[in-house]
C-alpha atoms as a PDB file:
ATOM      1  CA  MET A   1      22.513  -8.136  12.767  1.00  0.00           C
ATOM      2  CA  SER A   2      19.379  -7.432  10.730  1.00  0.00           C
ATOM      3  CA  ALA A   3      17.440  -4.210  10.749  1.00  0.00           C
ATOM      4  CA  TRP A   4      13.660  -4.623  11.189  1.00  0.00           C
ATOM      5  CA  THR A   5      10.828  -2.274  10.611  1.00  0.00           C
ATOM      6  CA  HIS A   6       7.431  -3.220  12.121  1.00  0.00           C
ATOM      7  CA  VAL A   7       4.210  -1.860  10.598  1.00  0.00           C
ATOM      8  CA  ALA A   8       0.560  -1.737  11.545  1.00  0.00           C
ATOM      9  CA  ALA A   9      -1.953   0.262   9.446  1.00  0.00           C
ATOM     10  CA  THR A  10      -5.723   0.403   9.112  1.00  0.00           C
ATOM     11  CA  VAL A  11      -7.814   2.075   6.473  1.00  0.00           C
ATOM     12  CA  ARG A  12     -11.615   2.374   6.773  1.00  0.00           C
ATOM     13  CA  ILE A  13     -13.176   2.926   3.376  1.00  0.00           C
ATOM     14  CA  ASP A  14     -16.604   4.370   2.485  1.00  0.00           C
ATOM     15  CA  ASP A  15     -18.456   3.055  -0.559  1.00  0.00           C
ATOM     16  CA  LEU A  16     -22.050   3.103  -1.729  1.00  0.00           C
ATOM     17  CA  ARG A  17     -23.084  -0.491  -2.323  1.00  0.00           C
ATOM     18  CA  PHE A  18     -26.614  -1.148  -3.487  1.00  0.00           C
ATOM     19  CA  SER A  19     -26.455  -4.920  -3.595  1.00  0.00           C
ATOM     20  CA  ASP A  20     -24.487  -7.816  -2.107  1.00  0.00           C
ATOM     21  CA  ASP A  21     -23.017  -8.740  -5.493  1.00  0.00           C
ATOM     22  CA  GLN A  22     -21.434  -5.380  -6.285  1.00  0.00           C
ATOM     23  CA  THR A  23     -17.831  -5.548  -7.486  1.00  0.00           C
ATOM     24  CA  ILE A  24     -15.316  -5.308  -4.640  1.00  0.00           C
ATOM     25  CA  PRO A  25     -12.397  -2.970  -5.189  1.00  0.00           C
ATOM     26  CA  ASP A  26      -9.124  -4.526  -6.335  1.00  0.00           C
ATOM     27  CA  TRP A  27      -6.992  -4.165  -3.179  1.00  0.00           C
ATOM     28  CA  ASP A  28      -3.856  -5.330  -5.002  1.00  0.00           C
ATOM     29  CA  GLU A  29      -4.350  -2.513  -7.498  1.00  0.00           C
ATOM     30  CA  ILE A  30      -4.963   0.080  -4.788  1.00  0.00           C
ATOM     31  CA  PHE A  31      -2.392  -0.872  -2.127  1.00  0.00           C
ATOM     32  CA  GLY A  32      -0.070  -3.361  -3.843  1.00  0.00           C
ATOM     33  CA  LYS A  33       0.423  -7.072  -4.130  1.00  0.00           C
ATOM     34  CA  GLU A  34       2.102  -9.359  -1.574  1.00  0.00           C
ATOM     35  CA  CYS A  35       5.408 -11.166  -2.169  1.00  0.00           C
ATOM     36  CA  LEU A  36       5.966 -13.553   0.731  1.00  0.00           C
ATOM     37  CA  PHE A  37       9.014 -15.507   1.840  1.00  0.00           C
ATOM     38  CA  HIS A  38       7.713 -18.708   0.176  1.00  0.00           C
ATOM     39  CA  SER A  39       6.344 -17.048  -2.941  1.00  0.00           C
ATOM     40  CA  PRO A  40       7.544 -18.551  -6.263  1.00  0.00           C
ATOM     41  CA  SER A  41      10.651 -17.067  -7.847  1.00  0.00           C
ATOM     42  CA  GLU A  42       8.534 -15.497 -10.645  1.00  0.00           C
ATOM     43  CA  VAL A  43       6.771 -13.399  -7.980  1.00  0.00           C
ATOM     44  CA  TRP A  44      10.065 -12.375  -6.453  1.00  0.00           C
ATOM     45  CA  ASP A  45      11.451 -11.449  -9.914  1.00  0.00           C
ATOM     46  CA  ASP A  46       8.324  -9.367 -10.649  1.00  0.00           C
ATOM     47  CA  CYS A  47       8.570  -7.662  -7.251  1.00  0.00           C
ATOM     48  CA  GLU A  48      12.212  -6.764  -7.964  1.00  0.00           C
ATOM     49  CA  LYS A  49      11.382  -5.426 -11.461  1.00  0.00           C
ATOM     50  CA  HIS A  50       8.148  -3.625 -10.516  1.00  0.00           C
ATOM     51  CA  PRO A  51       8.322  -2.680  -6.843  1.00  0.00           C
ATOM     52  CA  GLU A  52       5.609  -0.015  -7.399  1.00  0.00           C
ATOM     53  CA  LYS A  53       3.064  -2.875  -7.882  1.00  0.00           C
ATOM     54  CA  TYR A  54       3.832  -4.365  -4.439  1.00  0.00           C
ATOM     55  CA  LEU A  55       3.518  -3.542  -0.803  1.00  0.00           C
ATOM     56  CA  PRO A  56       6.811  -2.371   0.776  1.00  0.00           C
ATOM     57  CA  CYS A  57       9.340  -5.211   0.700  1.00  0.00           C
ATOM     58  CA  GLY A  58      12.190  -6.310   2.916  1.00  0.00           C
ATOM     59  CA  SER A  59      14.671  -9.132   2.309  1.00  0.00           C
ATOM     60  CA  GLU A  60      12.114 -11.791   3.416  1.00  0.00           C
ATOM     61  CA  GLY A  61       9.063 -10.401   1.651  1.00  0.00           C
ATOM     62  CA  THR A  62       6.463  -7.628   1.698  1.00  0.00           C
ATOM     63  CA  LEU A  63       4.002  -6.471   4.246  1.00  0.00           C
ATOM     64  CA  ARG A  64       0.699  -8.378   4.401  1.00  0.00           C
ATOM     65  CA  LYS A  65      -2.813  -7.066   3.918  1.00  0.00           C
ATOM     66  CA  THR A  66      -6.308  -8.227   4.728  1.00  0.00           C
ATOM     67  CA  ALA A  67      -9.673  -6.791   3.777  1.00  0.00           C
ATOM     68  CA  TRP A  68     -12.912  -6.929   5.771  1.00  0.00           C
ATOM     69  CA  ILE A  69     -16.192  -6.424   3.936  1.00  0.00           C
ATOM     70  CA  ASN A  70     -19.023  -5.051   5.962  1.00  0.00           C
ATOM     71  CA  PRO A  71     -21.877  -7.621   5.690  1.00  0.00           C
ATOM     72  CA  ASP A  72     -24.444  -4.824   5.754  1.00  0.00           C
ATOM     73  CA  SER A  73     -24.440  -3.702   2.118  1.00  0.00           C
ATOM     74  CA  HIS A  74     -26.427  -0.596   3.063  1.00  0.00           C
ATOM     75  CA  ALA A  75     -23.695   0.732   5.370  1.00  0.00           C
ATOM     76  CA  VAL A  76     -21.510   3.449   3.917  1.00  0.00           C
ATOM     77  CA  ALA A  77     -18.518   2.243   5.970  1.00  0.00           C
ATOM     78  CA  ALA A  78     -18.084  -0.650   3.518  1.00  0.00           C
ATOM     79  CA  TYR A  79     -14.536  -1.988   3.958  1.00  0.00           C
ATOM     80  CA  THR A  80     -11.618  -2.065   6.382  1.00  0.00           C
ATOM     81  CA  VAL A  81      -8.146  -2.906   4.993  1.00  0.00           C
ATOM     82  CA  THR A  82      -5.257  -3.720   7.349  1.00  0.00           C
ATOM     83  CA  ILE A  83      -1.671  -3.618   6.295  1.00  0.00           C
ATOM     84  CA  PHE A  84       0.842  -5.108   8.695  1.00  0.00           C
ATOM     85  CA  GLY A  85       4.083  -7.002   9.109  1.00  0.00           C
ATOM     86  CA  ASP A  86       7.755  -7.016   9.872  1.00  0.00           C
ATOM     87  CA  LEU A  87      10.267  -6.063   7.208  1.00  0.00           C
ATOM     88  CA  ARG A  88      13.730  -7.468   7.535  1.00  0.00           C
ATOM     89  CA  ASP A  89      16.594  -5.256   6.219  1.00  0.00           C
ATOM     90  CA  TYR A  90      14.218  -2.321   5.786  1.00  0.00           C
ATOM     91  CA  ASP A  91      15.120   0.417   8.187  1.00  0.00           C
ATOM     92  CA  SER A  92      12.940   3.440   7.360  1.00  0.00           C
ATOM     93  CA  PRO A  93       9.681   4.172   9.137  1.00  0.00           C
ATOM     94  CA  ASP A  94       9.618   7.463   7.175  1.00  0.00           C
ATOM     95  CA  LYS A  95       9.562   5.659   3.820  1.00  0.00           C
ATOM     96  CA  ILE A  96       6.743   3.425   4.944  1.00  0.00           C
ATOM     97  CA  ILE A  97       4.728   6.449   6.098  1.00  0.00           C
ATOM     98  CA  GLU A  98       5.318   8.244   2.779  1.00  0.00           C
ATOM     99  CA  TRP A  99       4.296   5.160   0.829  1.00  0.00           C
ATOM    100  CA  PHE A 100       1.083   4.923   2.895  1.00  0.00           C
ATOM    101  CA  LYS A 101       0.198   8.564   2.394  1.00  0.00           C
ATOM    102  CA  LYS A 102       0.326   8.050  -1.386  1.00  0.00           C
ATOM    103  CA  LYS A 103      -1.938   4.970  -1.162  1.00  0.00           C
ATOM    104  CA  VAL A 104      -4.520   6.716   1.007  1.00  0.00           C
ATOM    105  CA  ASP A 105      -5.677   8.819  -1.877  1.00  0.00           C
ATOM    106  CA  PRO A 106      -9.211  10.239  -1.554  1.00  0.00           C
ATOM    107  CA  SER A 107      -9.424  10.635  -5.329  1.00  0.00           C
ATOM    108  CA  LYS A 108      -9.262   6.841  -5.645  1.00  0.00           C
ATOM    109  CA  ILE A 109     -11.068   5.539  -2.554  1.00  0.00           C
ATOM    110  CA  GLY A 110     -13.432   7.063  -0.036  1.00  0.00           C
ATOM    111  CA  ILE A 111     -11.330   7.382   3.091  1.00  0.00           C
ATOM    112  CA  ARG A 112     -13.273   7.361   6.349  1.00  0.00           C
ATOM    113  CA  GLN A 113     -10.229   6.859   8.579  1.00  0.00           C
ATOM    114  CA  ALA A 114      -6.620   5.797   8.131  1.00  0.00           C
ATOM    115  CA  VAL A 115      -3.691   5.431  10.500  1.00  0.00           C
ATOM    116  CA  ILE A 116      -0.253   3.835  10.356  1.00  0.00           C
ATOM    117  CA  THR A 117       2.510   3.209  12.874  1.00  0.00           C
ATOM    118  CA  ALA A 118       5.967   2.121  11.751  1.00  0.00           C
ATOM    119  CA  THR A 119       8.839   1.462  14.140  1.00  0.00           C
ATOM    120  CA  ASN A 120      12.372   0.173  14.158  1.00  0.00           C
ATOM    121  CA  CYS A 121      14.928  -0.028  16.963  1.00  0.00           C
ATOM    122  CA  TYR A 122      15.502   3.721  16.936  1.00  0.00           C
ATOM    123  CA  GLU A 123      12.249   5.491  16.222  1.00  0.00           C
ATOM    124  CA  THR A 124       8.486   5.130  15.993  1.00  0.00           C
ATOM    125  CA  LYS A 125       6.479   7.164  13.546  1.00  0.00           C
ATOM    126  CA  THR A 126       2.658   7.417  13.415  1.00  0.00           C
ATOM    127  CA  TRP A 127       0.543   9.232  10.826  1.00  0.00           C
ATOM    128  CA  THR A 128      -3.210   9.783  10.859  1.00  0.00           C
ATOM    129  CA  TYR A 129      -5.216  10.804   7.787  1.00  0.00           C
ATOM    130  CA  GLU A 130      -7.056  14.102   8.252  1.00  0.00           C
ATOM    131  CA  TRP A 131      -9.834  15.321   5.969  1.00  0.00           C
END
């Protein structure tokens, strides 16, 4: 029987944007790249060799992420990134929370809010960023 860890996280990010064509942060660089079940073998090989460059990974792939860009370029609350998914053969909500804490680094991005919940069959852990 497989162990599963289920994850839902949201990060709201502040940024001063003065125009609509300002460079958007590299979310892969900040949070990690995806390696999905149907990704090419080169991606899987890279994920195995350099796990620090990827989102947390189970036996069927990593978590997923999406980014929303506030269409009002004058709003300080500029982006919302969600990280979510179900990791097969990954049985540690604590490891996911620790990974997230490292990624939610106010020296790299302007954190407005951040929260994560990770659960498996035995426990549910939730962490909220506090200023």
